[in-house]
Amino acid sequence: MATQAGVVITDPVARKRYDHKTACIGVDPYKIKSEEWIKEVEEYPPIAYGDIFNYLVLETSAYIQESFKDSILIRDQPIERVSGIR
């Protein structure tokens, strides 16, 4: 749930995690006015397949505190970090 003042988070652990993330990027995304968002796709930073794979599969989930990499095998081999794939 978002409000004009930001996002409402009642769970203290989730609030601490959210505050840490917004401190890292320097702004609360819910407080940015829609007129300030970048609307041109060409201005977005480049994202490769490897970036998406690393984020979705290899990073630790905030919800279950583990990644999928421990349970997924590709061709009977453990998954390693993907880089340089476009």
Protein backbone atom coordinates (compact mmCIF):
# COMPACT_ATOMS: atom_id res chain seq x y z
CA MET A 1 0.00 0.00 0.00
CA ALA A 2 1.47 3.37 -1.00
CA THR A 3 0.58 6.75 0.39
CA GLN A 4 1.61 10.29 -0.50
CA ALA A 5 4.21 10.09 2.27
CA GLY A 6 5.63 6.77 1.01
CA VAL A 7 4.90 3.12 1.52
CA VAL A 8 3.17 1.76 4.62
CA ILE A 9 5.03 -1.24 6.06
CA THR A 10 3.86 -2.54 9.43
CA ASP A 11 6.28 -5.47 9.84
CA PRO A 12 9.42 -4.13 11.60
CA VAL A 13 11.79 -6.53 9.82
CA ALA A 14 10.35 -5.65 6.41
CA ARG A 15 10.45 -1.94 7.29
CA LYS A 16 14.14 -2.17 8.24
CA ARG A 17 14.92 -4.01 4.96
CA TYR A 18 12.96 -1.41 2.95
CA ASP A 19 14.66 1.51 4.70
CA HIS A 20 18.08 -0.06 4.02
CA LYS A 21 17.28 -0.47 0.32
CA THR A 22 16.00 3.08 -0.05
CA ALA A 23 19.07 4.39 1.79
CA CYS A 24 21.29 2.55 -0.72
CA ILE A 25 19.60 4.19 -3.72
CA GLY A 26 19.09 7.52 -1.96
CA VAL A 27 15.36 7.90 -2.58
CA ASP A 28 12.04 6.25 -1.73
CA PRO A 29 10.52 5.25 -5.11
CA TYR A 30 7.00 5.76 -3.75
CA LYS A 31 7.78 9.41 -3.06
CA ILE A 32 8.85 10.19 -6.65
CA LYS A 33 6.18 12.01 -8.64
CA SER A 34 5.07 10.26 -11.82
CA GLU A 35 6.27 13.22 -13.91
CA GLU A 36 9.83 12.49 -12.77
CA TRP A 37 9.94 8.84 -13.94
CA ILE A 38 11.85 8.06 -17.15
CA LYS A 39 9.31 7.18 -19.80
CA GLU A 40 11.62 6.57 -22.78
CA VAL A 41 12.78 2.94 -22.93
CA GLU A 42 15.96 4.02 -24.71
CA GLU A 43 17.04 5.84 -21.53
CA TYR A 44 16.78 2.71 -19.33
CA PRO A 45 20.08 1.05 -18.36
CA PRO A 46 21.04 -2.00 -20.43
CA ILE A 47 19.93 -5.35 -18.99
CA ALA A 48 21.17 -8.70 -20.27
CA TYR A 49 19.82 -12.24 -19.87
CA GLY A 50 22.57 -12.97 -17.36
CA ASP A 51 21.50 -10.04 -15.18
CA ILE A 52 17.92 -11.32 -15.00
CA PHE A 53 19.02 -14.91 -14.39
CA ASN A 54 21.43 -13.88 -11.63
CA TYR A 55 18.78 -11.78 -9.92
CA LEU A 56 15.86 -14.22 -10.15
CA VAL A 57 17.67 -17.53 -9.66
CA LEU A 58 20.91 -16.92 -7.80
CA GLU A 59 20.18 -14.06 -5.42
CA THR A 60 18.84 -14.75 -1.93
CA SER A 61 15.08 -14.29 -1.63
CA ALA A 62 13.96 -11.79 0.98
CA TYR A 63 10.99 -14.04 1.70
CA ILE A 64 12.55 -17.47 2.16
CA GLN A 65 16.17 -16.41 2.92
CA GLU A 66 17.67 -18.77 0.33
CA SER A 67 18.19 -18.91 -3.41
CA PHE A 68 16.92 -21.36 -5.99
CA LYS A 69 20.47 -22.33 -6.98
CA ASP A 70 20.74 -24.93 -4.23
CA SER A 71 17.91 -26.98 -5.67
CA ILE A 72 18.35 -26.43 -9.41
CA LEU A 73 20.76 -28.33 -11.62
CA ILE A 74 21.49 -27.75 -15.30
CA ARG A 75 22.62 -30.91 -17.06
CA ASP A 76 23.35 -32.48 -13.66
CA GLN A 77 25.76 -29.67 -12.77
CA PRO A 78 25.26 -27.00 -10.09
CA ILE A 79 24.33 -23.57 -11.38
CA GLU A 80 27.11 -20.98 -11.35
CA ARG A 81 26.84 -17.22 -11.80
CA VAL A 82 26.09 -16.25 -15.41
CA SER A 83 27.99 -13.36 -16.92
CA GLY A 84 28.57 -11.89 -20.33
CA ILE A 85 25.45 -13.38 -21.93
CA ARG A 86 23.49 -10.95 -24.07
